[in-house]
Amino acid sequence: MGNICCCHPEVVPQPKQNEDILVIPDSLESRAINVRSFKVEKVLGKGSFGKVMLVTKKDTGKLYAMKLISKQRLFDAKKKAHAQTEREVLSQVKSPFVVKLHFAFQNYQKLYLVLDFMQGGELFFHLRKLNKFTEEIARFYAAEVLLALEDLHDKGFIYRDLKPENVFLDADGHIKLGDFNLAKISSEVNRSHTICGTPEYIAPEVLKGHVQGKEIDYWGLGILLYEMLNGKSPFYAKNYDKLFKNIISGKLFFPETFSDKAKDLISKLLITDPKQRLANAADIKPHPFFGGMDWDFLRRKLMEPPLKPMIRGDKDTRNFNVANIKDEASPPPNWNTPQQEANVFMNFTYVEPALK
């Protein structure tokens, strides 16, 4: 099931030669970094707002994933704030388990985010290939995701869209979270009463219109862990009405293959009352399911990942489902963003400090 609040921004090919580079006088926007600084190699993914492309930076030869967001589609869907928040999260959160933003820039039609190229692809890709994970594999990836959530929460952000499609593997098999267009600053989430997210992962307090806090991310961790161990989510149903009823009821059924430790952790993560839910990284780490885990060792990525993506060459994209993606531009060719609308995205330009 897809996202029911908004779809994920996408990234598209290089613009035609007559597309102007937007220069905003009172910010750091400049012609020093723009879409012509990159060569498009392949399409990696597509969503409602654009595409994600594998690109090479021409002056260094370094590979990146370039995400392009169509301004027209943002304005039409009234989702401008989503793009701005994603840019803020990516520039502020420095974590080994969150994709790094290297560059951000814009022209009159599009926003561009230049990110780590996670060559191992989505965790979803590997989960579907294996159908389900062993407890050893699920334990490792649940632990790395937990560290990612801890880093996000420490910076005051709530993810709100945890799912296997948003967990990306690097070439070695370590994870990083990506796609932050549904993320929120903690204080803003408390005022939000919108139902956003992937249906199977939506927390019951979101469905009820109650106050939303970081607890919704730990609900998502419980769903993710269950899905990794079973191959499908715990409240799965063929239609939204039944799915949402299952989520609100919170009734869990565990296959015999689940260990007692796994069942106990999942049960505590999926308590429907967020006040009773296990919803703090410091409280989750000591759980017996993670018994013997050296968290410092894991944070430094010194632990061998249980999955090693198959990769042949720097530009290999075999871990991405790219066969059915059409290589087409996101905005209509005759659409033109007025200057005043383009300037709405002030202070969008970003260059990673180490690259300045």
Protein backbone atom coordinates (compact mmCIF):
# COMPACT_ATOMS: atom_id res chain seq x y z
CA MET A 1 0.00 0.00 0.00
CA GLY A 2 1.23 3.47 -0.78
CA ASN A 3 1.24 6.67 1.20
CA ILE A 4 -2.21 8.12 1.84
CA CYS A 5 -1.24 11.66 2.87
CA CYS A 6 1.24 12.51 0.20
CA CYS A 7 3.54 10.69 -2.11
CA HIS A 8 7.28 10.86 -1.90
CA PRO A 9 9.09 13.49 -3.94
CA GLU A 10 11.04 12.10 -6.83
CA VAL A 11 13.93 13.14 -8.91
CA VAL A 12 14.10 13.66 -12.67
CA PRO A 13 16.65 13.99 -15.47
CA GLN A 14 18.74 17.04 -16.22
CA PRO A 15 16.69 19.99 -17.51
CA LYS A 16 16.65 21.20 -21.06
CA GLN A 17 19.25 23.76 -21.96
CA ASN A 18 16.75 26.64 -21.85
CA GLU A 19 15.85 26.09 -18.17
CA ASP A 20 17.12 28.96 -16.06
CA ILE A 21 19.13 28.53 -12.89
CA LEU A 22 17.38 30.38 -10.08
CA VAL A 23 19.51 32.93 -8.25
CA ILE A 24 18.03 34.37 -5.07
CA PRO A 25 19.83 37.62 -4.17
CA ASP A 26 19.53 37.48 -0.37
CA SER A 27 20.74 33.93 0.11
CA LEU A 28 23.69 31.75 -0.78
CA GLU A 29 22.02 30.65 -4.04
CA SER A 30 24.57 30.85 -6.82
CA ARG A 31 25.63 29.32 -10.09
CA ALA A 32 28.47 27.51 -8.33
CA ILE A 33 26.32 24.39 -7.96
CA ASN A 34 23.40 23.56 -10.23
CA VAL A 35 21.96 20.72 -12.24
CA ARG A 36 24.58 21.11 -14.97
CA SER A 37 27.24 20.22 -12.41
CA PHE A 38 26.04 16.62 -12.71
CA LYS A 39 25.77 13.93 -15.35
CA VAL A 40 22.69 11.69 -15.16
CA GLU A 41 23.55 7.99 -15.26
CA LYS A 42 20.36 6.05 -14.48
CA VAL A 43 16.89 6.31 -13.00
CA LEU A 44 16.74 4.82 -9.50
CA GLY A 45 13.15 5.49 -8.51
CA LYS A 46 9.99 7.43 -9.23
CA GLY A 47 7.14 8.89 -7.18
CA SER A 48 4.42 11.52 -7.45
CA PHE A 49 6.66 14.58 -7.36
CA GLY A 50 9.57 13.54 -9.58
CA LYS A 51 12.35 10.96 -9.80
CA VAL A 52 15.55 9.87 -8.13
CA MET A 53 18.53 9.61 -10.44
CA LEU A 54 22.00 8.17 -10.14
CA VAL A 55 24.29 11.06 -11.07
CA THR A 56 28.00 11.77 -11.33
CA LYS A 57 29.42 15.11 -10.23
CA LYS A 58 31.38 16.18 -13.27
CA ASP A 59 34.36 17.79 -11.54
CA THR A 60 35.02 14.98 -9.03
CA GLY A 61 33.53 11.86 -10.64
CA LYS A 62 31.74 11.05 -7.38
CA LEU A 63 28.39 9.24 -7.56
CA TYR A 64 25.27 10.54 -5.80
CA ALA A 65 21.52 9.99 -5.74
CA MET A 66 19.83 13.18 -6.97
CA LYS A 67 16.26 13.73 -5.87
CA LEU A 68 14.21 16.24 -7.81
CA ILE A 69 10.95 17.73 -6.57
CA SER A 70 8.55 19.38 -9.00
CA LYS A 71 7.48 22.78 -7.64
CA GLN A 72 4.25 22.69 -9.61
CA ARG A 73 3.23 19.39 -8.07
CA LEU A 74 4.16 20.62 -4.60
CA PHE A 75 2.03 23.74 -5.03
CA ASP A 76 -0.87 21.77 -6.53
CA ALA A 77 -0.84 19.32 -3.61
CA LYS A 78 -0.23 22.10 -1.05
CA LYS A 79 2.85 20.26 0.17
CA LYS A 80 5.45 23.04 0.04
CA ALA A 81 6.18 22.64 3.76
CA HIS A 82 7.04 18.96 3.27
CA ALA A 83 9.93 19.80 0.94
CA GLN A 84 11.19 22.53 3.25
CA THR A 85 11.11 20.22 6.27
CA GLU A 86 12.92 17.46 4.39
CA ARG A 87 15.69 19.91 3.50
CA GLU A 88 15.92 21.00 7.17
CA VAL A 89 16.08 17.45 8.51
CA LEU A 90 18.74 16.39 6.04
CA SER A 91 20.94 19.42 6.71
CA GLN A 92 20.63 19.28 10.51
CA VAL A 93 20.77 15.58 11.38
CA LYS A 94 24.30 14.21 11.23
CA SER A 95 24.00 10.50 11.80
CA PRO A 96 25.73 7.44 10.33
CA PHE A 97 22.23 5.97 9.97
CA VAL A 98 20.57 8.84 8.08
CA VAL A 99 21.30 9.63 4.43
CA LYS A 100 23.62 12.61 4.11
CA LEU A 101 22.69 15.73 2.19
CA HIS A 102 25.65 16.89 0.10
CA PHE A 103 24.04 19.63 -2.01
CA ALA A 104 20.66 21.33 -2.35
CA PHE A 105 19.71 23.86 -5.05
CA GLN A 106 16.82 24.90 -7.27
CA ASN A 107 15.76 26.38 -10.57
CA TYR A 108 12.42 27.92 -11.53
CA GLN A 109 10.70 24.55 -11.88
CA LYS A 110 12.40 22.14 -9.51
CA LEU A 111 14.10 21.54 -6.19
CA TYR A 112 17.17 19.31 -6.14
CA LEU A 113 18.57 17.28 -3.23
CA VAL A 114 21.89 15.51 -3.81
CA LEU A 115 22.25 12.60 -1.39
CA ASP A 116 24.27 9.50 -0.64
CA PHE A 117 23.95 6.81 -3.30
CA MET A 118 22.82 3.81 -1.27
CA GLN A 119 23.90 1.10 -3.68
CA GLY A 120 22.39 -1.75 -1.68
CA GLY A 121 18.89 -0.48 -2.46
CA GLU A 122 15.81 -0.63 -0.24
CA LEU A 123 15.47 -3.05 2.65
CA PHE A 124 12.09 -3.79 1.05
CA PHE A 125 13.86 -5.16 -2.04
CA HIS A 126 15.85 -7.68 0.03
CA LEU A 127 12.91 -8.59 2.25
CA ARG A 128 10.75 -9.42 -0.75
CA LYS A 129 13.58 -11.42 -2.29
CA LEU A 130 13.94 -13.58 0.85
CA ASN A 131 10.21 -13.41 1.76
CA LYS A 132 11.16 -12.97 5.44
CA PHE A 133 14.31 -12.57 7.52
CA THR A 134 15.83 -14.81 10.13
CA GLU A 135 15.78 -13.39 13.65
CA GLU A 136 19.52 -12.67 13.38
CA ILE A 137 19.00 -10.49 10.30
CA ALA A 138 15.91 -8.76 11.71
CA ARG A 139 17.68 -8.10 15.01
CA PHE A 140 20.61 -6.38 13.30
CA TYR A 141 18.48 -4.12 11.13
CA ALA A 142 16.02 -3.30 13.91
CA ALA A 143 19.00 -2.22 16.03
CA GLU A 144 20.44 0.05 13.33
CA VAL A 145 17.01 1.57 12.68
CA LEU A 146 16.66 2.17 16.42
CA LEU A 147 19.91 4.17 16.40
CA ALA A 148 18.66 6.20 13.43
CA LEU A 149 15.42 7.05 15.26
CA GLU A 150 17.38 7.95 18.38
CA ASP A 151 19.49 10.43 16.40
CA LEU A 152 16.43 11.99 14.75
CA HIS A 153 14.61 12.38 18.04
CA ASP A 154 17.69 13.87 19.72
CA LYS A 155 17.57 16.63 17.09
CA GLY A 156 13.88 17.25 17.72
CA PHE A 157 12.48 15.55 14.60
CA ILE A 158 9.88 12.82 14.27
CA TYR A 159 10.16 10.58 11.20
CA ARG A 160 6.50 9.51 10.72
CA ASP A 161 7.16 7.26 7.72
CA LEU A 162 9.18 4.25 8.82
CA LYS A 163 8.76 1.32 6.41
CA PRO A 164 11.08 -1.07 4.52
CA GLU A 165 10.92 1.13 1.40
CA ASN A 166 12.53 4.01 3.33
CA VAL A 167 15.35 1.97 4.86
CA PHE A 168 18.30 1.90 2.46
CA LEU A 169 21.36 -0.35 2.44
CA ASP A 170 24.84 0.81 1.54
CA ALA A 171 27.26 -1.36 -0.40
CA ASP A 172 28.34 -3.14 2.80
CA GLY A 173 24.81 -3.83 4.04
CA HIS A 174 24.49 -1.13 6.72
CA ILE A 175 21.30 0.95 6.76
CA LYS A 176 20.44 4.61 6.47
CA LEU A 177 16.97 6.12 6.69
CA GLY A 178 15.87 8.25 3.75
CA ASP A 179 12.80 10.10 2.45
CA PHE A 180 11.93 12.72 5.06
CA ASN A 181 9.06 14.52 3.36
CA LEU A 182 6.64 13.47 6.11
CA ALA A 183 9.02 14.32 8.96
CA LYS A 184 8.00 16.95 11.48
CA ILE A 185 9.57 19.02 14.21
CA SER A 186 8.35 17.56 17.50
CA SER A 187 6.48 20.71 18.55
CA GLU A 188 4.66 20.83 15.20
CA VAL A 189 3.58 17.18 15.34
CA ASN A 190 1.75 17.81 18.61
CA ARG A 191 -0.52 20.24 16.77
CA SER A 192 -1.03 17.97 13.77
CA HIS A 193 -4.30 16.10 13.34
CA THR A 194 -3.73 14.92 9.78
CA ILE A 195 -3.58 11.25 8.88
CA CYS A 196 -0.30 10.86 7.03
CA GLY A 197 1.88 7.87 6.30
CA THR A 198 1.82 4.39 4.86
CA PRO A 199 -1.48 2.77 5.94
CA GLU A 200 -0.01 -0.45 7.36
CA TYR A 201 2.40 1.56 9.53
CA ILE A 202 0.05 4.28 10.83
CA ALA A 203 -0.17 4.37 14.63
CA PRO A 204 -3.60 4.17 16.31
CA GLU A 205 -3.28 7.64 17.88
CA VAL A 206 -2.89 9.08 14.38
CA LEU A 207 -6.09 7.37 13.21
CA LYS A 208 -7.91 8.68 16.27
CA GLY A 209 -6.71 12.25 15.70
CA HIS A 210 -4.89 12.37 19.03
CA VAL A 211 -1.65 14.14 19.91
CA GLN A 212 1.29 12.69 17.99
CA GLY A 213 4.78 12.35 19.45
CA LYS A 214 7.89 10.28 18.88
CA GLU A 215 5.88 7.26 20.06
CA ILE A 216 4.55 6.90 16.51
CA ASP A 217 8.07 6.08 15.29
CA TYR A 218 8.46 3.27 17.82
CA TRP A 219 5.09 1.92 16.76
CA GLY A 220 6.58 1.89 13.26
CA LEU A 221 9.62 0.01 14.57
CA GLY A 222 7.33 -2.66 16.00
CA ILE A 223 5.53 -3.02 12.66
CA LEU A 224 8.86 -3.16 10.82
CA LEU A 225 10.27 -5.84 13.11
CA TYR A 226 7.12 -7.95 12.74
CA GLU A 227 7.18 -7.58 8.96
CA MET A 228 10.86 -8.52 8.75
CA LEU A 229 10.19 -11.71 10.72
CA ASN A 230 6.92 -12.67 9.04
CA GLY A 231 7.00 -11.16 5.54
CA LYS A 232 3.86 -9.08 6.07
CA SER A 233 2.61 -6.54 8.59
CA PRO A 234 0.69 -7.65 11.72
CA PHE A 235 -2.55 -5.82 10.90
CA TYR A 236 -2.64 -6.60 7.19
CA ALA A 237 -6.02 -6.40 5.45
CA LYS A 238 -7.19 -6.09 1.85
CA ASN A 239 -8.95 -2.77 2.41
CA TYR A 240 -8.29 0.34 4.48
CA ASP A 241 -11.42 0.06 6.65
CA LYS A 242 -10.49 -3.40 7.90
CA LEU A 243 -6.81 -2.46 8.21
CA PHE A 244 -7.57 0.59 10.36
CA LYS A 245 -9.96 -1.42 12.56
CA ASN A 246 -7.20 -3.99 13.09
CA ILE A 247 -4.71 -1.25 14.02
CA ILE A 248 -7.05 0.41 16.52
CA SER A 249 -7.89 -2.94 18.14
CA GLY A 250 -4.19 -3.74 18.49
CA LYS A 251 -4.86 -7.47 18.59
CA LEU A 252 -1.69 -9.35 17.65
CA PHE A 253 -1.23 -12.87 16.31
CA PHE A 254 2.27 -14.33 16.31
CA PRO A 255 3.45 -17.22 14.14
CA GLU A 256 5.09 -20.12 15.98
CA THR A 257 8.41 -19.15 14.42
CA PHE A 258 8.64 -15.98 16.55
CA SER A 259 10.83 -16.31 19.64
CA ASP A 260 9.45 -15.30 23.04
CA LYS A 261 11.89 -12.38 23.12
CA ALA A 262 10.72 -11.11 19.73
CA LYS A 263 7.06 -11.45 20.71
CA ASP A 264 7.64 -9.58 23.96
CA LEU A 265 9.44 -6.65 22.31
CA ILE A 266 6.92 -6.35 19.48
CA SER A 267 4.01 -6.50 21.94
CA LYS A 268 5.50 -3.62 23.95
CA LEU A 269 6.21 -1.54 20.84
CA LEU A 270 2.66 -2.10 19.57
CA ILE A 271 0.72 -1.09 22.66
CA THR A 272 -2.13 1.04 21.33
CA ASP A 273 -1.89 3.57 24.17
CA PRO A 274 1.20 5.67 23.35
CA LYS A 275 1.66 6.52 27.05
CA GLN A 276 2.10 2.82 27.84
CA ARG A 277 4.13 1.99 24.73
CA LEU A 278 7.84 1.19 24.90
CA ALA A 279 8.91 4.38 23.15
CA ASN A 280 12.40 5.42 24.15
CA ALA A 281 15.66 4.14 22.70
CA ALA A 282 17.28 4.02 26.14
CA ASP A 283 14.51 1.67 27.33
CA ILE A 284 14.50 -0.49 24.21
CA LYS A 285 18.24 -1.20 24.00
CA PRO A 286 18.35 -3.34 27.19
CA HIS A 287 15.46 -5.54 26.04
CA PRO A 288 16.41 -9.26 25.95
CA PHE A 289 15.73 -9.36 22.20
CA PHE A 290 18.89 -7.27 21.81
CA GLY A 291 20.77 -9.24 24.47
CA GLY A 292 24.54 -9.09 23.99
CA MET A 293 24.35 -6.21 21.50
CA ASP A 294 27.38 -3.91 21.71
CA TRP A 295 25.65 -0.64 20.86
CA ASP A 296 28.86 1.38 20.63
CA PHE A 297 30.34 -1.24 18.30
CA LEU A 298 27.17 -1.10 16.20
CA ARG A 299 27.12 2.70 16.06
CA ARG A 300 30.68 2.73 14.73
CA LYS A 301 29.60 0.22 12.07
CA LEU A 302 32.16 -2.33 13.21
CA MET A 303 29.63 -5.15 13.26
CA GLU A 304 29.41 -7.27 10.12
CA PRO A 305 25.99 -6.86 8.44
CA PRO A 306 24.12 -10.14 7.94
CA LEU A 307 23.18 -9.18 4.36
CA LYS A 308 25.78 -8.30 1.76
CA PRO A 309 24.17 -6.75 -1.34
CA MET A 310 25.28 -8.19 -4.66
CA ILE A 311 27.13 -5.40 -6.47
CA ARG A 312 29.29 -5.43 -9.57
CA GLY A 313 30.79 -2.06 -10.34
CA ASP A 314 30.28 1.45 -8.97
CA LYS A 315 27.20 2.14 -11.14
CA ASP A 316 25.50 -1.21 -10.65
CA THR A 317 21.79 -0.72 -9.86
CA ARG A 318 20.69 -4.36 -9.67
CA ASN A 319 19.36 -3.75 -6.14
CA PHE A 320 16.77 -1.27 -7.43
CA ASN A 321 13.47 -2.09 -9.16
CA VAL A 322 14.12 0.12 -12.17
CA ALA A 323 12.82 -2.05 -15.01
CA ASN A 324 9.33 -0.50 -15.13
CA ILE A 325 10.30 3.13 -14.53
CA LYS A 326 9.75 5.38 -17.54
CA ASP A 327 12.41 8.01 -18.10
CA GLU A 328 10.17 11.06 -18.39
CA ALA A 329 10.37 14.62 -17.12
CA SER A 330 8.24 15.41 -14.07
CA PRO A 331 6.62 18.81 -14.86
CA PRO A 332 4.68 19.46 -18.08
CA PRO A 333 7.02 21.02 -20.68
CA ASN A 334 4.95 24.20 -21.06
CA TRP A 335 4.55 24.87 -17.35
CA ASN A 336 6.35 27.94 -16.03
CA THR A 337 6.70 28.85 -12.36
CA PRO A 338 6.24 32.57 -11.72
CA GLN A 339 9.30 34.22 -10.19
CA GLN A 340 7.45 35.07 -6.97
CA GLU A 341 6.46 31.42 -6.44
CA ALA A 342 9.95 30.16 -7.16
CA ASN A 343 11.34 32.54 -4.55
CA VAL A 344 9.15 30.95 -1.88
CA PHE A 345 11.93 28.43 -1.27
CA MET A 346 14.35 30.87 0.34
CA ASN A 347 17.66 29.68 1.77
CA PHE A 348 17.23 26.31 0.08
CA THR A 349 20.77 26.07 -1.26
CA TYR A 350 23.08 23.85 0.75
CA VAL A 351 26.65 22.68 0.31
CA GLU A 352 28.07 20.11 2.70
CA PRO A 353 30.61 22.00 4.86
CA ALA A 354 33.39 19.55 4.00
CA LEU A 355 32.87 20.31 0.29
CA LYS A 356 32.98 24.10 0.52
